[in-house]
Amino acid sequence: MKIIAHNTIELRGEATPPSSKSQTIRGLVFATLAKGTSALKNPLHSQDTVDAIRACRALGANIMVKEDRIVIESDGVPLESDTTLNTGDSGVTTHFLMPVAGLRGPKAGPITFDCGAQMKQRPVETLVMALQRLGLKVKPQHKNGHCPLQISGELFGGKATMSGKSSQYLSALLISLPCAKNDSVITVNNLQERPYVEMTEMWLREQGIVYSHEEKKGQDIYTIKGGQAYKPFIKTIPGDFSSASYLIAAGALFPGQVVLHGLDINDPQGDKALVEILRTMGADIEIQGNKMTITGGKPLKGMKIDANAIPDMVPTLAVIAAVAKGKTEIVNVANARLKETDRLHSMTEGLTKMGAKIEETKNSLVISGGKLYGATAHGFNDHRTVMALSLAGMLASGETFIDTAEAINKTFPDFVKVMKGLGANINMR
């Protein structure tokens, strides 16, 4: 499928962004490990959620999906029988459930982790090595060490040192290790995407989990007490700042006024940093409770942005930078190359076709603002690349085509509908 975007003059109206993917999937995993009945109110309904639900069901959770909630009933102990988990292209689901496979007892059979084509290209070696040190046996099915892979053995706990290039690896261990038999100490070098780990820690604190965290000379050291258990819970999932970024940016870039509902600025989601970045660049954004009002059309100035903690914002920031006055440097973002696609490359390619001036380095984008022109761009089957380039197409003169548009189903299936509701000249076919 393709998204077709034309120059848009004004945006005006109200919208509610989708619920947080990161919070929804964490909720599903925590509920699967808790004995009893849990509920997620206002969850995200998207392909990533479908993938997570399917995998948690395979581990023994009874999950009922309703429009306004997801109800999870679990015995708190994953099934011991052999099984195959199809986690689709959800990196969060795949990574989070890998150590869960080791919580099924010493007599449990192996679990085979299968996944989609994109996920098979994403590295997992850092997490695999840590799991092996903590008691698990991991057997990749291919020489590249990526999924699919087979996991057996028991997650005993212990000590492990790992790279912090992906927050998902650390969060995966923090979720499972409280349920291991022994205490654990995890040392992380150069932790990146820190807000996502802080989100996991919030869940641990709400569950009363005993752990400690020490920062020391470029290392984060986590000590986790073993032999703990999770309790059932009811939690309301807030709006997703990652998905909302396209609406926030659009509200700032186009004349008019956009009001967004359901975004909790106090939630630990790191991507809320976009609000202050845009304010620094000159945008008019007001927040009252869970209501955000963006009055757009004001000129934005380029700036230097360290986006290490918010790699999912790179596509959105690149589009903003392409039309802002002056030069914008988006730095310290090599981790953006490890997502559904290499987002430094995908955004450089797409925006360059549209006339933007971009210098791509190993870990940064340097963008000089100017005018954009309609073009045919490749979306790389990456939801964030597709949505960001769609925003660029709305800013560009002429007509813009972005392929692999079905990728938006991963996190924001109603993206085109919501944008059109605000007045965007955009369609999907």
Protein backbone atom coordinates (compact mmCIF):
# COMPACT_ATOMS: atom_id res chain seq x y z
CA MET A 1 0.00 0.00 0.00
CA LYS A 2 0.99 3.65 -0.46
CA ILE A 3 0.41 6.89 1.38
CA ILE A 4 -0.16 9.83 -0.95
CA ALA A 5 0.47 13.22 0.63
CA HIS A 6 -0.07 16.70 -0.83
CA ASN A 7 0.84 20.13 0.44
CA THR A 8 -1.33 20.99 3.44
CA ILE A 9 -2.21 24.59 4.27
CA GLU A 10 -3.63 24.37 7.78
CA LEU A 11 -4.36 21.87 10.55
CA ARG A 12 -7.08 22.42 13.09
CA GLY A 13 -9.08 20.25 15.47
CA GLU A 14 -8.83 17.71 18.27
CA ALA A 15 -7.42 14.19 18.33
CA THR A 16 -6.49 11.39 20.71
CA PRO A 17 -3.20 9.62 19.93
CA PRO A 18 -3.00 5.83 20.33
CA SER A 19 -2.12 4.34 23.70
CA SER A 20 1.46 3.55 24.59
CA LYS A 21 2.90 0.48 22.92
CA SER A 22 5.72 0.24 25.46
CA GLN A 23 3.34 0.37 28.41
CA THR A 24 0.81 -2.05 26.86
CA ILE A 25 3.38 -4.76 26.12
CA ARG A 26 5.01 -4.36 29.52
CA GLY A 27 1.57 -4.77 31.06
CA LEU A 28 0.94 -7.99 29.10
CA VAL A 29 4.25 -9.51 30.20
CA PHE A 30 3.90 -8.49 33.86
CA ALA A 31 0.32 -9.81 33.91
CA THR A 32 1.45 -13.13 32.40
CA LEU A 33 3.94 -13.50 35.25
CA ALA A 34 1.40 -12.54 37.94
CA LYS A 35 -0.87 -15.16 39.52
CA GLY A 36 -4.46 -13.99 39.23
CA THR A 37 -6.50 -11.67 37.03
CA SER A 38 -5.07 -8.40 35.72
CA ALA A 39 -6.56 -5.77 33.43
CA LEU A 40 -5.11 -3.13 31.11
CA LYS A 41 -7.53 -0.25 30.55
CA ASN A 42 -7.23 1.83 27.37
CA PRO A 43 -4.60 -0.49 25.79
CA LEU A 44 -3.05 -0.10 22.37
CA HIS A 45 -4.72 -2.21 19.67
CA SER A 46 -2.14 -2.70 16.92
CA GLN A 47 -0.09 -5.41 15.22
CA ASP A 48 2.59 -5.30 17.92
CA THR A 49 -0.10 -5.84 20.55
CA VAL A 50 -1.52 -8.78 18.58
CA ASP A 51 1.96 -10.34 18.41
CA ALA A 52 2.48 -9.90 22.17
CA ILE A 53 -0.94 -11.36 23.04
CA ARG A 54 -0.36 -14.40 20.82
CA ALA A 55 3.01 -15.10 22.48
CA CYS A 56 1.70 -14.63 26.04
CA ARG A 57 -1.18 -16.99 25.27
CA ALA A 58 1.31 -19.59 24.08
CA LEU A 59 2.98 -19.32 27.51
CA GLY A 60 -0.31 -20.18 29.22
CA ALA A 61 -2.03 -16.84 29.86
CA ASN A 62 -5.78 -16.63 29.21
CA ILE A 63 -6.26 -13.26 27.52
CA MET A 64 -9.59 -11.64 26.64
CA VAL A 65 -9.44 -8.63 24.34
CA LYS A 66 -12.16 -6.00 24.56
CA GLU A 67 -12.38 -2.57 22.95
CA ASP A 68 -11.59 -0.66 26.11
CA ARG A 69 -9.46 -3.20 27.99
CA ILE A 70 -7.46 -6.40 27.93
CA VAL A 71 -8.07 -8.92 30.73
CA ILE A 72 -5.28 -11.38 31.54
CA GLU A 73 -5.73 -14.47 33.70
CA SER A 74 -2.57 -16.35 34.59
CA ASP A 75 -1.21 -18.95 36.97
CA GLY A 76 1.95 -16.87 37.17
CA VAL A 77 4.14 -19.70 35.89
CA PRO A 78 4.62 -20.16 32.14
CA LEU A 79 3.76 -23.54 30.62
CA GLU A 80 6.46 -26.17 30.92
CA SER A 81 5.65 -27.92 27.66
CA ASP A 82 7.64 -27.50 24.46
CA THR A 83 6.25 -24.73 22.31
CA THR A 84 7.02 -22.24 19.57
CA LEU A 85 6.52 -18.55 20.21
CA ASN A 86 5.78 -16.49 17.11
CA THR A 87 6.58 -12.94 18.19
CA GLY A 88 6.15 -11.40 14.73
CA ASP A 89 8.23 -8.29 14.20
CA SER A 90 7.78 -7.03 17.75
CA GLY A 91 11.28 -6.54 19.13
CA VAL A 92 9.93 -5.64 22.58
CA THR A 93 7.91 -8.87 22.79
CA THR A 94 10.75 -11.04 21.51
CA HIS A 95 13.36 -9.60 23.86
CA PHE A 96 11.11 -9.48 26.94
CA LEU A 97 9.98 -13.09 26.62
CA MET A 98 13.39 -14.65 25.98
CA PRO A 99 14.36 -14.73 29.69
CA VAL A 100 10.75 -15.64 30.63
CA ALA A 101 11.42 -18.95 28.85
CA GLY A 102 13.80 -19.77 31.70
CA LEU A 103 11.17 -19.37 34.43
CA ARG A 104 9.30 -22.58 33.58
CA GLY A 105 11.20 -24.94 35.89
CA PRO A 106 14.10 -27.38 35.42
CA LYS A 107 12.03 -30.01 33.58
CA ALA A 108 10.57 -27.66 31.00
CA GLY A 109 11.14 -28.43 27.35
CA PRO A 110 12.78 -25.99 24.94
CA ILE A 111 11.00 -22.96 23.53
CA THR A 112 11.61 -21.97 19.93
CA PHE A 113 11.39 -18.25 19.23
CA ASP A 114 10.23 -17.59 15.70
CA CYS A 115 9.59 -14.14 14.33
CA GLY A 116 8.96 -11.99 11.27
CA ALA A 117 11.40 -11.10 8.51
CA GLN A 118 12.37 -7.76 10.06
CA MET A 119 13.03 -9.24 13.47
CA LYS A 120 15.28 -11.88 11.93
CA GLN A 121 17.59 -9.05 10.85
CA ARG A 122 17.88 -7.47 14.30
CA PRO A 123 20.80 -8.49 16.54
CA VAL A 124 20.14 -10.33 19.81
CA GLU A 125 23.68 -11.47 20.66
CA THR A 126 24.05 -9.10 23.63
CA LEU A 127 20.95 -10.49 25.32
CA VAL A 128 21.82 -14.09 24.39
CA MET A 129 25.26 -13.85 26.03
CA ALA A 130 23.73 -12.45 29.22
CA LEU A 131 21.10 -15.21 29.34
CA GLN A 132 23.79 -17.85 28.95
CA ARG A 133 25.67 -16.43 31.94
CA LEU A 134 22.45 -16.54 33.96
CA GLY A 135 21.75 -20.23 33.37
CA LEU A 136 19.99 -20.57 30.01
CA LYS A 137 21.00 -22.51 26.93
CA VAL A 138 20.40 -20.61 23.72
CA LYS A 139 20.77 -22.24 20.34
CA PRO A 140 20.41 -19.99 17.27
CA GLN A 141 18.98 -21.69 14.21
CA HIS A 142 21.30 -19.79 11.86
CA LYS A 143 24.98 -18.86 11.87
CA ASN A 144 24.29 -15.11 12.20
CA GLY A 145 23.06 -15.67 15.76
CA HIS A 146 19.74 -13.92 15.14
CA CYS A 147 16.22 -15.30 15.53
CA PRO A 148 14.88 -17.90 15.17
CA LEU A 149 16.52 -19.49 18.19
CA GLN A 150 15.80 -22.17 20.79
CA ILE A 151 15.96 -21.53 24.53
CA SER A 152 16.11 -24.18 27.25
CA GLY A 153 17.29 -24.49 30.83
CA GLU A 154 16.45 -22.48 33.92
CA LEU A 155 17.07 -18.82 34.67
CA PHE A 156 19.03 -19.21 37.92
CA GLY A 157 20.23 -15.62 38.30
CA GLY A 158 23.81 -14.66 39.05
CA LYS A 159 26.12 -12.05 37.55
CA ALA A 160 26.32 -10.74 34.00
CA THR A 161 27.87 -7.76 32.23
CA MET A 162 26.33 -6.47 29.03
CA SER A 163 26.38 -3.61 26.55
CA GLY A 164 23.65 -1.02 26.95
CA LYS A 165 23.13 -0.39 23.23
CA SER A 166 19.48 -1.42 23.50
CA SER A 167 17.35 -0.70 26.56
CA GLN A 168 15.14 -3.68 25.74
CA TYR A 169 17.87 -6.16 26.72
CA LEU A 170 18.19 -4.70 30.21
CA SER A 171 14.42 -4.32 30.67
CA ALA A 172 14.00 -7.98 29.70
CA LEU A 173 16.34 -9.05 32.51
CA LEU A 174 14.85 -6.65 35.05
CA ILE A 175 11.38 -8.12 34.42
CA SER A 176 12.36 -11.80 34.73
CA LEU A 177 15.19 -11.89 37.26
CA PRO A 178 13.03 -11.08 40.33
CA CYS A 179 11.36 -14.46 39.65
CA ALA A 180 14.68 -16.36 39.41
CA LYS A 181 15.81 -18.53 42.33
CA ASN A 182 18.95 -16.57 43.12
CA ASP A 183 19.88 -12.92 43.47
CA SER A 184 21.41 -11.24 40.43
CA VAL A 185 23.80 -8.42 39.65
CA ILE A 186 23.64 -6.95 36.15
CA THR A 187 26.31 -4.48 35.06
CA VAL A 188 25.51 -2.42 31.97
CA ASN A 189 28.13 -0.48 30.04
CA ASN A 190 27.08 2.79 28.37
CA LEU A 191 23.34 2.44 28.88
CA GLN A 192 21.31 4.04 26.07
CA GLU A 193 17.58 4.73 25.70
CA ARG A 194 17.49 5.28 29.47
CA PRO A 195 13.84 6.44 29.74
CA TYR A 196 12.61 3.01 28.61
CA VAL A 197 14.51 1.39 31.48
CA GLU A 198 13.05 3.96 33.86
CA MET A 199 9.61 2.90 32.61
CA THR A 200 10.40 -0.71 33.52
CA GLU A 201 11.64 0.41 36.94
CA MET A 202 8.33 2.21 37.49
CA TRP A 203 6.52 -1.12 36.99
CA LEU A 204 8.92 -2.84 39.39
CA ARG A 205 8.32 -0.22 42.09
CA GLU A 206 4.55 -0.45 41.65
CA GLN A 207 4.87 -4.21 42.17
CA GLY A 208 6.98 -3.79 45.31
CA ILE A 209 9.96 -5.56 43.75
CA VAL A 210 13.19 -5.39 45.75
CA TYR A 211 16.14 -4.16 43.66
CA SER A 212 18.78 -1.44 43.69
CA HIS A 213 20.43 0.69 41.03
CA GLU A 214 23.84 2.35 41.19
CA GLU A 215 25.50 4.53 38.55
CA LYS A 216 29.27 4.37 38.55
CA LYS A 217 31.85 5.53 35.94
CA GLY A 218 29.85 4.86 32.78
CA GLN A 219 28.24 1.76 34.25
CA ASP A 220 24.77 1.07 35.62
CA ILE A 221 24.75 -1.69 38.22
CA TYR A 222 21.45 -3.39 39.09
CA THR A 223 21.13 -5.75 42.05
CA ILE A 224 17.92 -7.80 41.94
CA LYS A 225 16.69 -10.03 44.74
CA GLY A 226 15.54 -13.44 43.52
CA GLY A 227 12.57 -15.52 44.68
CA GLN A 228 10.01 -12.72 44.29
CA ALA A 229 6.57 -12.85 42.68
CA TYR A 230 4.33 -10.46 40.79
CA LYS A 231 0.81 -9.51 41.89
CA PRO A 232 -2.24 -9.04 39.64
CA PHE A 233 -3.10 -5.41 38.89
CA ILE A 234 -5.37 -3.00 37.06
CA LYS A 235 -3.63 -0.24 35.12
CA THR A 236 -4.74 2.47 32.68
CA ILE A 237 -2.38 2.84 29.73
CA PRO A 238 -1.55 6.47 28.82
CA GLY A 239 -1.22 7.91 25.32
CA ASP A 240 1.91 7.10 23.33
CA PHE A 241 4.30 10.03 22.89
CA SER A 242 6.13 8.18 20.10
CA SER A 243 2.98 7.94 17.98
CA ALA A 244 1.83 11.36 19.10
CA SER A 245 5.09 12.88 17.86
CA TYR A 246 3.77 13.14 14.29
CA LEU A 247 0.65 14.97 15.54
CA ILE A 248 2.66 17.24 17.86
CA ALA A 249 5.12 18.08 15.10
CA ALA A 250 2.31 18.64 12.60
CA GLY A 251 0.54 20.94 15.03
CA ALA A 252 3.70 23.02 15.39
CA LEU A 253 4.63 23.09 11.69
CA PHE A 254 1.28 24.08 10.15
CA PRO A 255 -0.87 27.16 10.82
CA GLY A 256 -3.91 26.47 12.98
CA GLN A 257 -4.45 24.91 16.38
CA VAL A 258 -4.33 21.22 17.28
CA VAL A 259 -5.55 19.89 20.64
CA LEU A 260 -4.40 16.43 21.74
CA HIS A 261 -5.95 14.41 24.56
CA GLY A 262 -4.73 11.52 26.72
CA LEU A 263 -1.01 12.36 26.95
CA ASP A 264 0.42 12.26 30.46
CA ILE A 265 3.49 14.49 30.59
CA ASN A 266 4.43 12.88 33.93
CA ASP A 267 4.61 9.38 32.43
CA PRO A 268 8.23 8.16 32.14
CA GLN A 269 8.07 7.88 28.33
CA GLY A 270 11.25 9.49 27.04
CA ASP A 271 9.70 10.71 23.80
CA LYS A 272 7.80 13.40 25.68
CA ALA A 273 11.12 15.29 25.33
CA LEU A 274 9.89 16.33 21.88
CA VAL A 275 7.65 18.91 23.57
CA GLU A 276 10.55 20.80 25.14
CA ILE A 277 12.67 20.42 22.00
CA LEU A 278 9.93 22.06 19.92
CA ARG A 279 9.43 24.78 22.52
CA THR A 280 13.16 25.55 22.38
CA MET A 281 12.92 25.73 18.59
CA GLY A 282 10.10 28.29 18.92
CA ALA A 283 6.85 26.29 19.00
CA ASP A 284 3.81 27.32 21.05
CA ILE A 285 2.71 24.30 23.13
CA GLU A 286 0.55 24.49 26.26
CA ILE A 287 -0.24 21.59 28.59
CA GLN A 288 -3.14 21.39 31.05
CA GLY A 289 -3.46 17.99 32.66
CA ASN A 290 -3.77 15.43 29.86
CA LYS A 291 -4.69 18.12 27.31
CA MET A 292 -2.03 19.52 24.96
CA THR A 293 -2.72 22.57 22.80
CA ILE A 294 -0.35 23.33 19.90
CA THR A 295 -0.73 26.65 18.11
CA GLY A 296 1.17 26.24 14.89
CA GLY A 297 2.74 28.21 12.08
CA LYS A 298 5.44 29.95 14.10
CA PRO A 299 8.95 29.81 12.58
CA LEU A 300 11.20 27.16 14.11
CA LYS A 301 14.97 27.51 14.55
CA GLY A 302 17.49 24.70 14.15
CA MET A 303 19.42 23.45 17.17
CA LYS A 304 21.69 20.67 18.38
CA ILE A 305 19.77 17.69 19.80
CA ASP A 306 21.28 14.77 21.69
CA ALA A 307 18.70 12.10 20.84
CA ASN A 308 20.42 9.09 22.42
CA ALA A 309 17.58 8.64 24.93
CA ILE A 310 14.88 9.08 22.26
CA PRO A 311 15.98 7.20 19.11
CA ASP A 312 12.35 6.70 18.02
CA MET A 313 12.14 10.48 17.60
CA VAL A 314 14.87 10.61 14.95
CA PRO A 315 12.48 10.37 11.95
CA THR A 316 10.18 13.07 13.35
CA LEU A 317 13.11 15.32 14.31
CA ALA A 318 14.63 14.91 10.85
CA VAL A 319 11.44 16.20 9.20
CA ILE A 320 11.22 19.16 11.58
CA ALA A 321 14.88 19.97 10.91
CA ALA A 322 14.34 19.83 7.14
CA VAL A 323 12.06 22.91 7.27
CA ALA A 324 13.43 24.72 10.34
CA LYS A 325 15.55 27.84 9.87
CA GLY A 326 19.27 27.17 9.94
CA LYS A 327 21.11 23.97 10.82
CA THR A 328 19.98 21.17 13.12
CA GLU A 329 22.33 18.48 14.43
CA ILE A 330 20.74 15.24 15.69
CA VAL A 331 23.62 13.53 17.47
CA ASN A 332 24.54 10.42 19.48
CA VAL A 333 21.94 8.26 17.71
CA ALA A 334 23.79 5.24 16.31
CA ASN A 335 21.16 3.17 18.18
CA ALA A 336 18.57 4.41 15.63
CA ARG A 337 20.24 2.09 13.12
CA LEU A 338 19.14 -0.97 15.14
CA LYS A 339 15.37 -0.56 14.79
CA GLU A 340 12.93 -1.97 12.22
CA THR A 341 15.28 -0.41 9.71
CA ASP A 342 18.36 1.80 9.77
CA ARG A 343 16.49 5.04 10.42
CA LEU A 344 19.45 7.33 9.83
CA HIS A 345 19.72 5.89 6.34
CA SER A 346 15.98 5.67 5.64
CA MET A 347 15.36 9.30 6.58
CA THR A 348 18.44 10.53 4.72
CA GLU A 349 17.35 8.73 1.57
CA GLY A 350 13.71 9.83 1.72
CA LEU A 351 14.28 13.47 2.65
CA THR A 352 17.13 13.85 0.16
CA LYS A 353 14.75 12.76 -2.60
CA MET A 354 12.47 15.56 -1.40
CA GLY A 355 15.20 18.18 -1.68
CA ALA A 356 16.50 18.29 1.89
CA LYS A 357 20.18 18.92 2.59
CA ILE A 358 21.39 16.15 4.93
CA GLU A 359 24.79 14.94 6.02
CA GLU A 360 24.64 11.43 7.48
CA THR A 361 27.47 10.26 9.75
CA LYS A 362 27.94 7.09 11.78
CA ASN A 363 25.90 8.42 14.69
CA SER A 364 24.29 11.69 13.59
CA LEU A 365 22.29 13.65 11.05
CA VAL A 366 23.18 17.23 10.18
CA ILE A 367 20.30 18.92 8.38
CA SER A 368 20.02 22.40 6.86
CA GLY A 369 16.47 23.66 6.69
CA GLY A 370 14.88 24.64 3.41
CA LYS A 371 12.00 23.73 1.10
CA LEU A 372 10.70 20.24 0.38
CA TYR A 373 9.33 18.95 -2.91
CA GLY A 374 7.08 16.03 -3.68
CA ALA A 375 8.80 12.75 -4.52
CA THR A 376 8.44 8.97 -4.46
CA ALA A 377 10.05 7.64 -1.28
CA HIS A 378 10.66 4.20 0.16
CA GLY A 379 9.15 3.57 3.59
CA PHE A 380 11.37 0.52 4.29
CA ASN A 381 8.37 -1.22 5.85
CA ASP A 382 9.11 0.81 8.97
CA HIS A 383 6.14 2.46 10.65
CA ARG A 384 8.09 5.44 11.92
CA THR A 385 9.83 6.12 8.61
CA VAL A 386 6.50 5.91 6.78
CA MET A 387 4.70 8.30 9.13
CA ALA A 388 7.57 10.79 9.25
CA LEU A 389 7.89 10.90 5.45
CA SER A 390 4.11 11.35 5.23
CA LEU A 391 4.48 14.45 7.40
CA ALA A 392 7.25 15.64 5.09
CA GLY A 393 4.92 15.09 2.13
CA MET A 394 2.32 17.32 3.76
CA LEU A 395 4.98 20.05 4.01
CA ALA A 396 6.26 19.59 0.47
CA SER A 397 5.00 21.19 -2.72
CA GLY A 398 3.53 18.75 -5.20
CA GLU A 399 2.69 15.11 -4.59
CA THR A 400 4.55 12.57 -2.44
CA PHE A 401 4.22 8.78 -2.52
CA ILE A 402 5.48 6.59 0.35
CA ASP A 403 5.39 2.82 -0.15
CA THR A 404 5.05 0.01 2.43
CA ALA A 405 2.39 2.16 4.10
CA GLU A 406 0.81 -0.88 5.77
CA ALA A 407 3.68 -0.68 8.27
CA ILE A 408 1.66 1.91 10.23
CA ASN A 409 -0.48 -0.97 11.54
CA LYS A 410 2.40 -1.84 13.85
CA THR A 411 1.62 1.05 16.22
CA PHE A 412 -0.79 3.62 14.69
CA PRO A 413 -3.33 1.96 12.38
CA ASP A 414 -5.53 5.10 12.26
CA PHE A 415 -2.68 7.48 11.40
CA VAL A 416 -4.10 8.59 8.04
CA LYS A 417 -7.66 8.85 9.41
CA VAL A 418 -6.53 11.02 12.34
CA MET A 419 -4.40 13.28 10.13
CA LYS A 420 -7.28 13.74 7.66
CA GLY A 421 -9.55 14.60 10.57
CA LEU A 422 -7.24 17.51 11.39
CA GLY A 423 -7.32 18.73 7.78
CA ALA A 424 -4.28 17.02 6.27
CA ASN A 425 -4.26 16.45 2.51
CA ILE A 426 -3.32 12.78 2.77
CA ASN A 427 -4.72 9.44 1.60
CA MET A 428 -3.84 5.78 1.63
CA ARG A 429 -4.50 3.22 -1.07
